[in-house]
C-alpha atoms as a PDB file:
ATOM      1  CA  MET A   1      23.004  17.702  15.851  1.00  0.00           C
ATOM      2  CA  LYS A   2      23.834  14.746  13.528  1.00  0.00           C
ATOM      3  CA  GLU A   3      25.708  13.010  16.319  1.00  0.00           C
ATOM      4  CA  LEU A   4      22.783  13.410  18.584  1.00  0.00           C
ATOM      5  CA  PHE A   5      20.384  11.855  16.147  1.00  0.00           C
ATOM      6  CA  CYS A   6      22.783   8.987  15.431  1.00  0.00           C
ATOM      7  CA  ASP A   7      23.419   8.142  19.036  1.00  0.00           C
ATOM      8  CA  SER A   8      19.695   7.942  19.811  1.00  0.00           C
ATOM      9  CA  VAL A   9      18.417   4.413  19.784  1.00  0.00           C
ATOM     10  CA  PHE A  10      14.904   5.486  19.052  1.00  0.00           C
ATOM     11  CA  PHE A  11      15.664   8.398  16.538  1.00  0.00           C
ATOM     12  CA  GLY A  12      13.904   6.600  13.816  1.00  0.00           C
ATOM     13  CA  VAL A  13      10.668   5.995  15.740  1.00  0.00           C
ATOM     14  CA  LEU A  14      10.604   9.562  17.075  1.00  0.00           C
ATOM     15  CA  VAL A  15      11.191  11.110  13.566  1.00  0.00           C
ATOM     16  CA  SER A  16       8.503   8.756  12.072  1.00  0.00           C
ATOM     17  CA  VAL A  17       5.844   9.279  14.609  1.00  0.00           C
ATOM     18  CA  ALA A  18       6.470  13.111  14.817  1.00  0.00           C
ATOM     19  CA  ALA A  19       6.235  13.389  11.038  1.00  0.00           C
ATOM     20  CA  TYR A  20       3.082  11.415  10.765  1.00  0.00           C
ATOM     21  CA  GLU A  21       1.350  13.328  13.585  1.00  0.00           C
ATOM     22  CA  GLY A  22       2.387  16.564  11.781  1.00  0.00           C
ATOM     23  CA  GLY A  23       0.763  15.228   8.624  1.00  0.00           C
ATOM     24  CA  ALA A  24      -2.405  14.103  10.547  1.00  0.00           C
ATOM     25  CA  PHE A  25      -2.711  17.709  12.012  1.00  0.00           C
ATOM     26  CA  LEU A  26      -2.434  19.346   8.670  1.00  0.00           C
ATOM     27  CA  LYS A  27      -5.099  16.840   7.240  1.00  0.00           C
ATOM     28  CA  ARG A  28      -7.488  17.630  10.147  1.00  0.00           C
ATOM     29  CA  ARG A  29      -6.767  21.349   9.732  1.00  0.00           C
ATOM     30  CA  TRP A  30      -7.383  21.729   6.020  1.00  0.00           C
ATOM     31  CA  LYS A  31      -9.065  18.478   5.115  1.00  0.00           C
ATOM     32  CA  LEU A  32      -7.476  18.348   1.668  1.00  0.00           C
ATOM     33  CA  ALA A  33      -6.450  14.952   0.054  1.00  0.00           C
ATOM     34  CA  ILE A  34      -2.865  16.302  -0.730  1.00  0.00           C
ATOM     35  CA  PHE A  35      -2.128  16.486   3.048  1.00  0.00           C
ATOM     36  CA  ASN A  36      -2.132  12.676   3.322  1.00  0.00           C
ATOM     37  CA  PRO A  37      -0.268  11.979   6.724  1.00  0.00           C
ATOM     38  CA  LEU A  38       1.691   9.046   5.259  1.00  0.00           C
ATOM     39  CA  LEU A  39       2.816  10.913   2.184  1.00  0.00           C
ATOM     40  CA  LEU A  40       3.838  13.930   4.262  1.00  0.00           C
ATOM     41  CA  SER A  41       5.598  11.775   6.804  1.00  0.00           C
ATOM     42  CA  VAL A  42       7.667  10.094   4.050  1.00  0.00           C
ATOM     43  CA  LEU A  43       8.607  13.555   2.587  1.00  0.00           C
ATOM     44  CA  ALA A  44       9.471  14.904   6.005  1.00  0.00           C
ATOM     45  CA  VAL A  45      11.636  11.951   7.016  1.00  0.00           C
ATOM     46  CA  MET A  46      13.448  12.099   3.523  1.00  0.00           C
ATOM     47  CA  GLY A  47      14.027  15.980   4.127  1.00  0.00           C
ATOM     48  CA  ILE A  48      15.418  15.343   7.574  1.00  0.00           C
ATOM     49  CA  LEU A  49      17.880  12.537   6.545  1.00  0.00           C
ATOM     50  CA  THR A  50      19.022  14.705   3.632  1.00  0.00           C
ATOM     51  CA  LEU A  51      19.421  17.878   5.619  1.00  0.00           C
ATOM     52  CA  PHE A  52      21.413  16.501   8.441  1.00  0.00           C
ATOM     53  CA  ARG A  53      23.120  13.892   6.092  1.00  0.00           C
ATOM     54  CA  ILE A  54      22.052  10.875   8.112  1.00  0.00           C
ATOM     55  CA  ASP A  55      22.529   7.463   6.565  1.00  0.00           C
ATOM     56  CA  TYR A  56      19.420   5.458   6.077  1.00  0.00           C
ATOM     57  CA  GLY A  57      20.972   2.505   8.004  1.00  0.00           C
ATOM     58  CA  VAL A  58      21.101   4.676  11.092  1.00  0.00           C
ATOM     59  CA  TYR A  59      17.491   5.765  10.653  1.00  0.00           C
ATOM     60  CA  TYR A  60      16.230   2.222  10.092  1.00  0.00           C
ATOM     61  CA  GLU A  61      17.966   0.966  13.272  1.00  0.00           C
ATOM     62  CA  GLY A  62      15.453   2.963  15.249  1.00  0.00           C
ATOM     63  CA  ALA A  63      12.484   2.874  12.819  1.00  0.00           C
ATOM     64  CA  LYS A  64      12.559  -0.956  12.599  1.00  0.00           C
ATOM     65  CA  TYR A  65      10.682  -1.173  15.790  1.00  0.00           C
ATOM     66  CA  LEU A  66       7.615   0.325  14.036  1.00  0.00           C
ATOM     67  CA  SER A  67       7.913  -2.340  11.260  1.00  0.00           C
ATOM     68  CA  TYR A  68       7.390  -5.018  13.903  1.00  0.00           C
ATOM     69  CA  LEU A  69       3.840  -3.814  14.182  1.00  0.00           C
ATOM     70  CA  LEU A  70       3.104  -4.223  10.583  1.00  0.00           C
ATOM     71  CA  THR A  71       2.096  -7.784  10.692  1.00  0.00           C
ATOM     72  CA  PRO A  72      -0.359  -7.674  13.755  1.00  0.00           C
ATOM     73  CA  ALA A  73      -1.812  -4.555  12.339  1.00  0.00           C
ATOM     74  CA  THR A  74      -2.484  -6.260   9.039  1.00  0.00           C
ATOM     75  CA  VAL A  75      -4.006  -9.278  10.970  1.00  0.00           C
ATOM     76  CA  CYS A  76      -6.352  -6.925  12.738  1.00  0.00           C
ATOM     77  CA  LEU A  77      -7.866  -5.959   9.474  1.00  0.00           C
ATOM     78  CA  ALA A  78      -9.585  -9.258   9.600  1.00  0.00           C
ATOM     79  CA  VAL A  79     -11.758  -8.080  12.421  1.00  0.00           C
ATOM     80  CA  PRO A  80     -14.230  -5.943  10.184  1.00  0.00           C
ATOM     81  CA  LEU A  81     -14.306  -8.772   7.659  1.00  0.00           C
ATOM     82  CA  TYR A  82     -15.405 -11.222  10.428  1.00  0.00           C
ATOM     83  CA  GLU A  83     -18.195  -8.871  11.442  1.00  0.00           C
ATOM     84  CA  LYS A  84     -19.499  -8.930   7.745  1.00  0.00           C
ATOM     85  CA  ILE A  85     -19.037 -12.637   7.121  1.00  0.00           C
ATOM     86  CA  ASP A  86     -22.727 -13.119   6.162  1.00  0.00           C
ATOM     87  CA  LEU A  87     -22.270 -10.544   3.535  1.00  0.00           C
ATOM     88  CA  LEU A  88     -19.189 -12.280   2.174  1.00  0.00           C
ATOM     89  CA  LYS A  89     -21.079 -15.596   1.866  1.00  0.00           C
ATOM     90  CA  GLN A  90     -23.982 -14.045   0.104  1.00  0.00           C
ATOM     91  CA  TYR A  91     -21.921 -12.332  -2.532  1.00  0.00           C
ATOM     92  CA  ALA A  92     -18.791 -14.667  -2.673  1.00  0.00           C
ATOM     93  CA  GLY A  93     -18.811 -15.179  -6.468  1.00  0.00           C
ATOM     94  CA  ALA A  94     -18.995 -11.432  -7.182  1.00  0.00           C
ATOM     95  CA  ILE A  95     -16.480 -10.442  -4.625  1.00  0.00           C
ATOM     96  CA  PHE A  96     -13.891 -12.971  -5.760  1.00  0.00           C
ATOM     97  CA  GLY A  97     -14.636 -12.035  -9.320  1.00  0.00           C
ATOM     98  CA  GLY A  98     -14.105  -8.396  -8.485  1.00  0.00           C
ATOM     99  CA  ILE A  99     -10.698  -9.021  -6.795  1.00  0.00           C
ATOM    100  CA  LEU A 100      -9.515 -11.175  -9.607  1.00  0.00           C
ATOM    101  CA  SER A 101     -10.352  -8.386 -12.055  1.00  0.00           C
ATOM    102  CA  GLY A 102      -8.468  -5.905  -9.880  1.00  0.00           C
ATOM    103  CA  VAL A 103      -5.250  -8.194  -9.858  1.00  0.00           C
ATOM    104  CA  LEU A 104      -5.382  -8.702 -13.587  1.00  0.00           C
ATOM    105  CA  THR A 105      -5.890  -5.090 -14.295  1.00  0.00           C
ATOM    106  CA  SER A 106      -2.769  -4.265 -12.132  1.00  0.00           C
ATOM    107  CA  ILE A 107      -0.498  -6.852 -13.799  1.00  0.00           C
ATOM    108  CA  LEU A 108      -1.678  -6.063 -17.282  1.00  0.00           C
ATOM    109  CA  SER A 109      -1.209  -2.370 -16.794  1.00  0.00           C
ATOM    110  CA  ILE A 110       2.484  -2.996 -15.784  1.00  0.00           C
ATOM    111  CA  LEU A 111       2.904  -5.398 -18.747  1.00  0.00           C
ATOM    112  CA  THR A 112       1.523  -2.707 -21.053  1.00  0.00           C
ATOM    113  CA  CYS A 113       3.828   0.006 -19.759  1.00  0.00           C
ATOM    114  CA  ALA A 114       6.781  -2.406 -19.941  1.00  0.00           C
ATOM    115  CA  LEU A 115       6.055  -3.054 -23.668  1.00  0.00           C
ATOM    116  CA  LEU A 116       5.460   0.556 -24.475  1.00  0.00           C
ATOM    117  CA  PHE A 117       8.575   1.945 -22.704  1.00  0.00           C
ATOM    118  CA  GLY A 118      11.024  -0.967 -23.101  1.00  0.00           C
ATOM    119  CA  PHE A 119      11.484  -2.018 -19.514  1.00  0.00           C
ATOM    120  CA  THR A 120      14.159  -4.598 -18.780  1.00  0.00           C
ATOM    121  CA  HIS A 121      13.069  -7.781 -17.080  1.00  0.00           C
ATOM    122  CA  GLU A 122      14.458  -6.554 -13.781  1.00  0.00           C
ATOM    123  CA  GLN A 123      12.510  -3.208 -14.021  1.00  0.00           C
ATOM    124  CA  TYR A 124       9.339  -5.202 -15.150  1.00  0.00           C
ATOM    125  CA  VAL A 125       9.275  -7.642 -12.191  1.00  0.00           C
ATOM    126  CA  THR A 126      10.118  -4.852  -9.744  1.00  0.00           C
ATOM    127  CA  LEU A 127       6.752  -3.179 -10.536  1.00  0.00           C
ATOM    128  CA  LEU A 128       4.543  -6.181 -10.958  1.00  0.00           C
ATOM    129  CA  PRO A 129       3.626  -6.338  -7.200  1.00  0.00           C
ATOM    130  CA  LYS A 130       2.830  -2.583  -6.854  1.00  0.00           C
ATOM    131  CA  SER A 131      -0.783  -3.092  -5.797  1.00  0.00           C
ATOM    132  CA  ILE A 132      -0.272  -5.542  -2.927  1.00  0.00           C
ATOM    133  CA  THR A 133       0.807  -5.374   0.739  1.00  0.00           C
ATOM    134  CA  THR A 134       4.479  -4.699   1.381  1.00  0.00           C
ATOM    135  CA  ALA A 135       5.310  -8.125   3.068  1.00  0.00           C
ATOM    136  CA  ILE A 136       4.075 -10.078   0.032  1.00  0.00           C
ATOM    137  CA  GLY A 137       5.269  -7.656  -2.600  1.00  0.00           C
ATOM    138  CA  MET A 138       8.871  -7.777  -1.248  1.00  0.00           C
ATOM    139  CA  GLY A 139       8.918 -11.593  -1.407  1.00  0.00           C
ATOM    140  CA  ILE A 140       7.586 -11.605  -4.993  1.00  0.00           C
ATOM    141  CA  SER A 141      10.102  -8.989  -6.123  1.00  0.00           C
ATOM    142  CA  GLU A 142      13.094 -10.807  -4.592  1.00  0.00           C
ATOM    143  CA  GLU A 143      11.996 -14.166  -5.937  1.00  0.00           C
ATOM    144  CA  LEU A 144      11.551 -12.878  -9.527  1.00  0.00           C
ATOM    145  CA  GLY A 145      14.843 -10.933  -9.503  1.00  0.00           C
ATOM    146  CA  GLY A 146      13.464  -7.420  -9.040  1.00  0.00           C
ATOM    147  CA  MET A 147      14.839  -4.454  -7.010  1.00  0.00           C
ATOM    148  CA  VAL A 148      13.229  -4.886  -3.655  1.00  0.00           C
ATOM    149  CA  THR A 149      13.821  -1.360  -2.237  1.00  0.00           C
ATOM    150  CA  ILE A 150      12.239   0.090  -5.441  1.00  0.00           C
ATOM    151  CA  THR A 151       9.293  -2.336  -5.098  1.00  0.00           C
ATOM    152  CA  VAL A 152       8.659  -1.093  -1.555  1.00  0.00           C
ATOM    153  CA  ALA A 153       8.748   2.479  -2.667  1.00  0.00           C
ATOM    154  CA  VAL A 154       6.342   1.822  -5.514  1.00  0.00           C
ATOM    155  CA  ILE A 155       3.924  -0.073  -3.193  1.00  0.00           C
ATOM    156  CA  ILE A 156       3.843   2.804  -0.763  1.00  0.00           C
ATOM    157  CA  LEU A 157       3.384   5.300  -3.537  1.00  0.00           C
ATOM    158  CA  THR A 158       0.547   3.224  -4.988  1.00  0.00           C
ATOM    159  CA  GLY A 159      -1.131   2.935  -1.572  1.00  0.00           C
ATOM    160  CA  VAL A 160      -0.775   6.703  -0.899  1.00  0.00           C
ATOM    161  CA  LEU A 161      -2.253   7.622  -4.275  1.00  0.00           C
ATOM    162  CA  GLY A 162      -5.037   5.232  -3.760  1.00  0.00           C
ATOM    163  CA  ASN A 163      -5.813   6.630  -0.342  1.00  0.00           C
ATOM    164  CA  MET A 164      -5.718  10.240  -1.715  1.00  0.00           C
ATOM    165  CA  THR A 165      -7.848   9.624  -4.906  1.00  0.00           C
ATOM    166  CA  ALA A 166     -10.234   6.859  -3.941  1.00  0.00           C
ATOM    167  CA  GLU A 167     -13.290   8.878  -3.188  1.00  0.00           C
ATOM    168  CA  ALA A 168     -12.830  11.098  -6.369  1.00  0.00           C
ATOM    169  CA  VAL A 169     -12.463   8.141  -8.594  1.00  0.00           C
ATOM    170  CA  LEU A 170     -15.578   6.404  -7.083  1.00  0.00           C
ATOM    171  CA  LYS A 171     -17.538   9.544  -7.678  1.00  0.00           C
ATOM    172  CA  LEU A 172     -16.102   9.951 -11.204  1.00  0.00           C
ATOM    173  CA  PHE A 173     -17.242   6.459 -12.245  1.00  0.00           C
ATOM    174  CA  HIS A 174     -20.512   6.507 -10.176  1.00  0.00           C
ATOM    175  CA  ILE A 175     -19.535   3.470  -8.142  1.00  0.00           C
ATOM    176  CA  GLU A 176     -22.101   3.551  -5.316  1.00  0.00           C
ATOM    177  CA  ASP A 177     -22.359  -0.092  -4.067  1.00  0.00           C
ATOM    178  CA  PRO A 178     -20.312  -0.458  -0.807  1.00  0.00           C
ATOM    179  CA  ILE A 179     -18.999  -3.861  -1.663  1.00  0.00           C
ATOM    180  CA  ALA A 180     -17.644  -2.673  -5.126  1.00  0.00           C
ATOM    181  CA  LYS A 181     -16.090   0.284  -3.441  1.00  0.00           C
ATOM    182  CA  GLY A 182     -14.306  -1.841  -0.887  1.00  0.00           C
ATOM    183  CA  ILE A 183     -13.126  -4.311  -3.448  1.00  0.00           C
ATOM    184  CA  ALA A 184     -11.738  -1.584  -5.860  1.00  0.00           C
ATOM    185  CA  ILE A 185      -9.840   0.180  -3.134  1.00  0.00           C
ATOM    186  CA  GLY A 186      -8.361  -2.922  -1.479  1.00  0.00           C
ATOM    187  CA  SER A 187      -7.354  -4.711  -4.658  1.00  0.00           C
ATOM    188  CA  SER A 188      -5.694  -1.611  -6.066  1.00  0.00           C
ATOM    189  CA  SER A 189      -4.080   0.131  -3.096  1.00  0.00           C
ATOM    190  CA  HIS A 190      -3.733  -2.538  -0.259  1.00  0.00           C
ATOM    191  CA  ALA A 191      -3.596  -1.565   3.353  1.00  0.00           C
ATOM    192  CA  ILE A 192      -3.013   2.196   2.973  1.00  0.00           C
ATOM    193  CA  GLY A 193      -6.073   2.411   0.683  1.00  0.00           C
ATOM    194  CA  THR A 194      -8.023   0.244   3.169  1.00  0.00           C
ATOM    195  CA  VAL A 195      -7.590   3.078   5.734  1.00  0.00           C
ATOM    196  CA  LYS A 196      -9.650   5.190   3.458  1.00  0.00           C
ATOM    197  CA  ALA A 197     -12.178   2.375   2.866  1.00  0.00           C
ATOM    198  CA  MET A 198     -12.761   2.216   6.521  1.00  0.00           C
ATOM    199  CA  GLU A 199     -13.301   5.845   6.658  1.00  0.00           C
ATOM    200  CA  ILE A 200     -15.964   5.630   3.980  1.00  0.00           C
ATOM    201  CA  GLY A 201     -17.947   2.773   5.705  1.00  0.00           C
ATOM    202  CA  GLU A 202     -17.876  -0.595   7.632  1.00  0.00           C
ATOM    203  CA  ILE A 203     -18.767  -2.679   4.638  1.00  0.00           C
ATOM    204  CA  GLU A 204     -16.191  -0.879   2.402  1.00  0.00           C
ATOM    205  CA  GLY A 205     -13.615  -1.560   5.143  1.00  0.00           C
ATOM    206  CA  ALA A 206     -14.448  -5.263   5.299  1.00  0.00           C
ATOM    207  CA  MET A 207     -14.315  -5.861   1.632  1.00  0.00           C
ATOM    208  CA  SER A 208     -11.124  -3.989   1.213  1.00  0.00           C
ATOM    209  CA  SER A 209      -9.539  -5.929   4.013  1.00  0.00           C
ATOM    210  CA  LEU A 210     -10.529  -9.093   2.313  1.00  0.00           C
ATOM    211  CA  SER A 211      -9.105  -7.856  -0.958  1.00  0.00           C
ATOM    212  CA  ILE A 212      -5.670  -7.324   0.526  1.00  0.00           C
ATOM    213  CA  ALA A 213      -5.295 -11.005   1.353  1.00  0.00           C
ATOM    214  CA  VAL A 214      -6.885 -12.418  -1.591  1.00  0.00           C
ATOM    215  CA  ALA A 215      -5.142  -9.975  -4.056  1.00  0.00           C
ATOM    216  CA  GLY A 216      -1.846 -10.791  -2.561  1.00  0.00           C
ATOM    217  CA  LEU A 217      -2.268 -14.596  -3.114  1.00  0.00           C
ATOM    218  CA  LEU A 218      -3.518 -14.106  -6.729  1.00  0.00           C
ATOM    219  CA  THR A 219      -0.649 -11.813  -7.433  1.00  0.00           C
ATOM    220  CA  VAL A 220       1.904 -14.423  -6.230  1.00  0.00           C
ATOM    221  CA  VAL A 221       0.402 -16.697  -8.944  1.00  0.00           C
ATOM    222  CA  GLY A 222      -0.235 -14.071 -11.588  1.00  0.00           C
ATOM    223  CA  ALA A 223       3.264 -12.382 -11.268  1.00  0.00           C
ATOM    224  CA  SER A 224       5.064 -15.726 -11.506  1.00  0.00           C
ATOM    225  CA  ILE A 225       3.180 -16.429 -14.835  1.00  0.00           C
ATOM    226  CA  PHE A 226       3.432 -13.016 -16.390  1.00  0.00           C
ATOM    227  CA  ALA A 227       7.039 -12.494 -15.233  1.00  0.00           C
ATOM    228  CA  ASN A 228       8.072 -14.897 -18.116  1.00  0.00           C
ATOM    229  CA  ILE A 229       6.540 -12.662 -20.873  1.00  0.00           C
ATOM    230  CA  ILE A 230       9.461 -10.137 -20.734  1.00  0.00           C
END
């Protein structure tokens, strides 16, 4: 069985898509936040690779074709933003202020944890870009001397948790304005969280899409400054 998987060019794609579809089915069937398709697909792929003792490099050789779609998929998030461009112009100051607050909250939370738990510089800069999209986060981590693979894992985990808990957190803090909802989700849990924002509403999805890009750029600057603290 291991040889069959290793010899298949599209093994990574097939496993990834099948695992995600399985997670999506469970989510539709029971409608529970814990059955997040992305979370379940990650766990399923990890289980398969471990069970059959398949090297990650073998899996990635097939799965890399899916990663090619990451950039165009992210660009497509600009479509709902374009449709709400008038709203963006009307509340530009509040929107960018909210995104800045989200970025600072993310960076300062990592700084606080680093000081409390005695992180090394490498561990600290690895976690700094946890709340932005993978493509930008990987670049920041590598530039600052972090562990890129851990950064990717943390970014995915942050997005999945944001996707799972977004609605509950919004209800807990009585956040009802659609613009505020979108900014909160997008600036804290990037593209994976934006999927949930789009499910909530069009305005939420548009604001969350904007937050991904702006938060990414602000984090590049902020991480470079805060990286020198530890």
